[in-house]
């Protein structure tokens, strides 16, 4: 039986990346729903697996980008039914709000490769393969979640880098899906932000070359374990 995986995409270059071949290997037929131009959201509502990707806007920008309200509504429905859902960066922030948490500006933007520290709650989880592994961060906002959803990972400037609820719900503030081969598209797409924040493009390229292969291997372990553990109400 082929199951459907729908990825809500906010900008073309922030795509499924390393997740795409893994989804195929796990038997999913994958498609994208472009949030900015979508008129029919039924594929996201009814997907066996919904993935909400990142983007350069914030959860609070609902007046400027009304489609964020639709995403929050859909996430609320799916989470209430415990349907398989994955959020990455902006997607994780939307999921935090849908779970009763909050999102606000962090003390500093995190852009670049750096490890996350796993909490006690993460040990034995699908994230355990990330211990001491540099991952790609690209966010300025931070999330907080209700006590029932404790952080699984943190960094010095972001106390909640990931959370989960059971086997079917996973939210990652960092970009575990990012493929080093496509990083150049990110560097162009986020050129203004990188310039205004004084982020070195050369250092990002060098870190992607240094850490990309190791990160990809560990990302496959994390996503593979999570996909293998999903449950579906048939």
Protein backbone atom coordinates (compact mmCIF):
# COMPACT_ATOMS: atom_id res chain seq x y z
CA UNK A 1 0.00 0.00 0.00
CA UNK A 2 1.42 3.36 -1.05
CA UNK A 3 0.95 6.11 1.50
CA UNK A 4 0.99 9.83 0.76
CA UNK A 5 3.48 12.33 2.16
CA UNK A 6 2.73 16.01 1.56
CA UNK A 7 5.33 18.69 2.26
CA UNK A 8 4.12 22.25 2.79
CA UNK A 9 6.79 24.41 1.19
CA UNK A 10 7.24 28.16 1.80
CA UNK A 11 10.18 28.87 -0.52
CA UNK A 12 11.38 26.63 -3.34
CA UNK A 13 14.94 26.17 -2.11
CA UNK A 14 13.91 24.93 1.37
CA UNK A 15 12.71 21.55 0.21
CA UNK A 16 12.72 17.98 1.51
CA UNK A 17 16.40 17.55 0.71
CA UNK A 18 17.73 14.35 2.28
CA UNK A 19 14.21 13.34 3.28
CA UNK A 20 13.02 12.88 -0.30
CA UNK A 21 14.76 9.56 -1.10
CA UNK A 22 14.06 8.27 2.42
CA UNK A 23 10.34 8.85 1.96
CA UNK A 24 10.44 6.92 -1.30
CA UNK A 25 12.36 4.09 0.33
CA UNK A 26 9.70 3.90 3.05
CA UNK A 27 6.92 3.58 0.50
CA UNK A 28 5.55 7.13 0.38
CA UNK A 29 4.35 8.95 -2.71
CA UNK A 30 5.59 12.48 -2.08
CA UNK A 31 4.26 15.82 -3.28
CA UNK A 32 4.65 19.50 -2.42
CA UNK A 33 2.00 22.06 -1.51
CA UNK A 34 3.30 25.60 -2.03
CA UNK A 35 1.77 27.61 0.80
CA UNK A 36 1.98 31.03 -0.81
CA UNK A 37 -0.09 30.07 -3.85
CA UNK A 38 -2.20 27.15 -2.61
CA UNK A 39 -5.94 27.34 -3.16
CA UNK A 40 -6.77 23.76 -2.21
CA UNK A 41 -5.36 22.46 1.07
CA UNK A 42 -7.13 19.11 1.05
CA UNK A 43 -3.94 17.18 0.23
CA UNK A 44 -2.34 18.49 3.45
CA UNK A 45 -5.43 17.75 5.52
CA UNK A 46 -5.70 14.17 4.31
CA UNK A 47 -2.06 13.17 3.82
CA UNK A 48 -0.89 10.06 5.62
CA UNK A 49 2.20 12.08 6.58
CA UNK A 50 2.39 15.87 6.65
CA UNK A 51 5.74 17.67 6.67
CA UNK A 52 5.82 21.43 7.25
CA UNK A 53 9.10 22.91 6.01
CA UNK A 54 10.97 26.10 6.89
CA UNK A 55 10.84 29.61 5.49
CA UNK A 56 11.94 33.19 6.12
CA UNK A 57 8.69 34.33 7.79
CA UNK A 58 7.44 33.97 11.36
CA UNK A 59 4.45 32.40 13.07
CA UNK A 60 3.30 35.87 14.17
CA UNK A 61 3.12 37.10 10.56
CA UNK A 62 -0.45 35.87 10.03
CA UNK A 63 -1.77 39.28 8.95
CA UNK A 64 0.85 39.58 6.21
CA UNK A 65 0.68 35.88 5.29
CA UNK A 66 -2.85 34.61 6.04
CA UNK A 67 -2.01 31.10 4.83
CA UNK A 68 -0.20 30.62 8.16
CA UNK A 69 -3.61 30.53 9.83
CA UNK A 70 -4.62 27.68 7.54
CA UNK A 71 -1.46 25.79 8.42
CA UNK A 72 -2.14 26.25 12.14
CA UNK A 73 -5.69 25.01 11.66
CA UNK A 74 -4.54 21.93 9.76
CA UNK A 75 -1.83 21.20 12.31
CA UNK A 76 -4.35 21.49 15.12
CA UNK A 77 -6.60 18.96 13.42
CA UNK A 78 -3.79 16.51 12.75
CA UNK A 79 -2.27 16.77 16.21
CA UNK A 80 -5.67 16.26 17.83
CA UNK A 81 -6.01 13.04 15.83
CA UNK A 82 -2.35 12.01 16.39
CA UNK A 83 -1.70 11.79 12.67
CA UNK A 84 1.95 11.56 11.53
CA UNK A 85 3.34 15.09 11.34
CA UNK A 86 6.86 16.49 11.06
CA UNK A 87 7.79 20.16 11.44
CA UNK A 88 11.14 21.71 10.50
CA UNK A 89 12.18 25.23 11.60
CA UNK A 90 9.09 27.36 10.76
CA UNK A 91 7.16 24.09 10.70
CA UNK A 92 8.35 23.28 14.23
CA UNK A 93 7.35 26.76 15.38
CA UNK A 94 3.86 26.35 13.93
CA UNK A 95 3.58 22.95 15.62
CA UNK A 96 4.63 24.43 18.96
CA UNK A 97 1.81 26.97 18.77
CA UNK A 98 -0.66 24.31 17.64
CA UNK A 99 0.36 22.27 20.71
CA UNK A 100 -0.36 25.15 23.07
CA UNK A 101 3.16 26.58 23.19
CA UNK A 102 4.57 29.89 22.05
CA UNK A 103 7.13 31.43 19.69
CA UNK A 104 9.15 34.61 20.21
CA UNK A 105 12.39 36.28 19.18
CA UNK A 106 15.57 34.66 20.44
CA UNK A 107 18.47 36.47 22.09
CA UNK A 108 20.51 35.95 18.93
CA UNK A 109 20.02 34.44 15.50
CA UNK A 110 21.51 31.00 14.96
CA UNK A 111 22.86 30.53 11.46
CA UNK A 112 25.51 27.94 10.72
CA UNK A 113 26.66 24.49 11.74
CA UNK A 114 26.87 23.63 15.44
CA UNK A 115 25.92 20.63 17.60
CA UNK A 116 22.84 20.43 19.78
CA UNK A 117 22.93 19.02 23.29
CA UNK A 118 20.42 16.26 23.90
CA UNK A 119 18.33 16.36 27.05
CA UNK A 120 17.63 13.34 29.24
CA UNK A 121 14.25 13.03 27.52
CA UNK A 122 16.00 12.50 24.17
CA UNK A 123 18.10 9.52 25.17
CA UNK A 124 16.56 6.41 23.70
CA UNK A 125 14.61 8.55 21.21
CA UNK A 126 15.13 8.80 17.46
CA UNK A 127 17.40 11.81 18.08
CA UNK A 128 20.05 9.86 19.96
CA UNK A 129 22.15 9.59 16.78
CA UNK A 130 22.73 13.37 16.89
CA UNK A 131 24.93 13.41 19.98
CA UNK A 132 27.90 15.71 19.23
CA UNK A 133 26.95 16.03 15.53
CA UNK A 134 26.97 19.58 14.03
CA UNK A 135 23.60 20.35 12.46
CA UNK A 136 22.51 23.31 10.34
CA UNK A 137 20.79 26.12 12.25
CA UNK A 138 18.97 28.93 10.47
CA UNK A 139 16.51 30.74 12.70
CA UNK A 140 15.97 33.84 14.82
CA UNK A 141 12.83 32.87 16.73
CA UNK A 142 12.66 30.34 19.55
CA UNK A 143 9.91 28.05 20.77
CA UNK A 144 8.49 27.05 24.11
CA UNK A 145 6.24 24.06 24.65
CA UNK A 146 3.87 22.94 27.42
CA UNK A 147 5.39 20.90 30.29
CA UNK A 148 4.01 17.69 28.78
CA UNK A 149 6.26 18.26 25.74
CA UNK A 150 9.76 18.81 27.17
CA UNK A 151 12.67 19.85 24.94
CA UNK A 152 14.70 17.01 23.44
CA UNK A 153 17.68 19.20 22.54
CA UNK A 154 19.06 22.67 23.18
CA UNK A 155 21.89 25.08 22.35
CA UNK A 156 23.30 27.96 24.43
CA UNK A 157 20.91 30.48 22.83
CA UNK A 158 17.91 28.21 22.20
CA UNK A 159 16.55 26.10 25.03
CA UNK A 160 14.14 24.11 22.86
CA UNK A 161 15.60 22.76 19.62
CA UNK A 162 13.27 19.78 19.26
CA UNK A 163 10.22 18.17 20.80
CA UNK A 164 8.07 15.13 20.16
CA UNK A 165 4.73 13.71 21.17
CA UNK A 166 4.56 9.96 20.98
CA UNK A 167 5.76 8.21 17.85
CA UNK A 168 3.85 10.31 15.31
CA UNK A 169 4.74 13.92 16.09
CA UNK A 170 8.25 15.35 15.74
CA UNK A 171 9.38 18.98 15.55
CA UNK A 172 12.93 20.12 14.79
CA UNK A 173 14.04 23.73 15.05
CA UNK A 174 17.22 22.93 13.08
CA UNK A 175 17.57 21.76 9.48
CA UNK A 176 18.39 18.08 9.59
CA UNK A 177 17.01 17.66 6.06
CA UNK A 178 19.36 20.16 4.42
CA UNK A 179 21.55 18.62 1.72
CA UNK A 180 25.01 20.21 1.42
CA UNK A 181 24.73 19.92 -2.37
CA UNK A 182 21.83 22.38 -2.36
CA UNK A 183 23.29 24.85 0.14
CA UNK A 184 24.21 27.26 -2.67
CA UNK A 185 20.51 27.88 -3.27
CA UNK A 186 20.13 28.80 0.41
CA UNK A 187 23.07 31.19 0.18
CA UNK A 188 21.44 32.99 -2.74
CA UNK A 189 17.90 32.89 -1.33
CA UNK A 190 19.01 34.26 2.04
CA UNK A 191 21.66 36.66 0.65
CA UNK A 192 20.12 39.76 2.25
CA UNK A 193 19.83 38.19 5.70
CA UNK A 194 23.38 36.83 5.56
CA UNK A 195 24.71 40.23 4.53
CA UNK A 196 22.85 42.22 7.17
CA UNK A 197 23.82 39.79 9.93
CA UNK A 198 27.46 39.67 8.84
CA UNK A 199 27.45 35.91 8.30
CA UNK A 200 30.40 34.60 6.31
CA UNK A 201 29.29 32.75 3.19
CA UNK A 202 32.77 31.30 2.84
CA UNK A 203 32.61 29.80 6.34
CA UNK A 204 29.17 28.32 5.66
CA UNK A 205 30.52 26.65 2.52
CA UNK A 206 33.57 25.33 4.36
CA UNK A 207 31.47 23.98 7.24
CA UNK A 208 29.05 22.34 4.81
CA UNK A 209 32.00 20.57 3.18
CA UNK A 210 33.45 19.57 6.54
CA UNK A 211 30.27 18.36 8.22
CA UNK A 212 27.87 17.60 5.38
CA UNK A 213 28.63 13.91 4.85
CA UNK A 214 28.55 13.08 8.57
CA UNK A 215 25.36 15.07 9.07
CA UNK A 216 23.70 13.32 6.13
CA UNK A 217 24.54 9.90 7.59
CA UNK A 218 23.11 10.78 10.99
CA UNK A 219 20.08 12.50 9.46
CA UNK A 220 19.26 9.29 7.62
CA UNK A 221 19.45 7.40 10.90
CA UNK A 222 17.13 9.85 12.66
CA UNK A 223 14.55 10.16 9.89
CA UNK A 224 14.73 6.45 9.07
CA UNK A 225 14.04 5.49 12.68
CA UNK A 226 11.18 8.00 12.93
CA UNK A 227 9.55 6.90 9.68
CA UNK A 228 9.84 3.26 10.70
CA UNK A 229 8.03 3.96 13.96
CA UNK A 230 5.00 5.79 12.54
CA UNK A 231 1.53 4.38 13.13
CA UNK A 232 -1.47 4.96 10.90
CA UNK A 233 -5.20 4.71 11.51
CA UNK A 234 -6.37 2.74 8.46
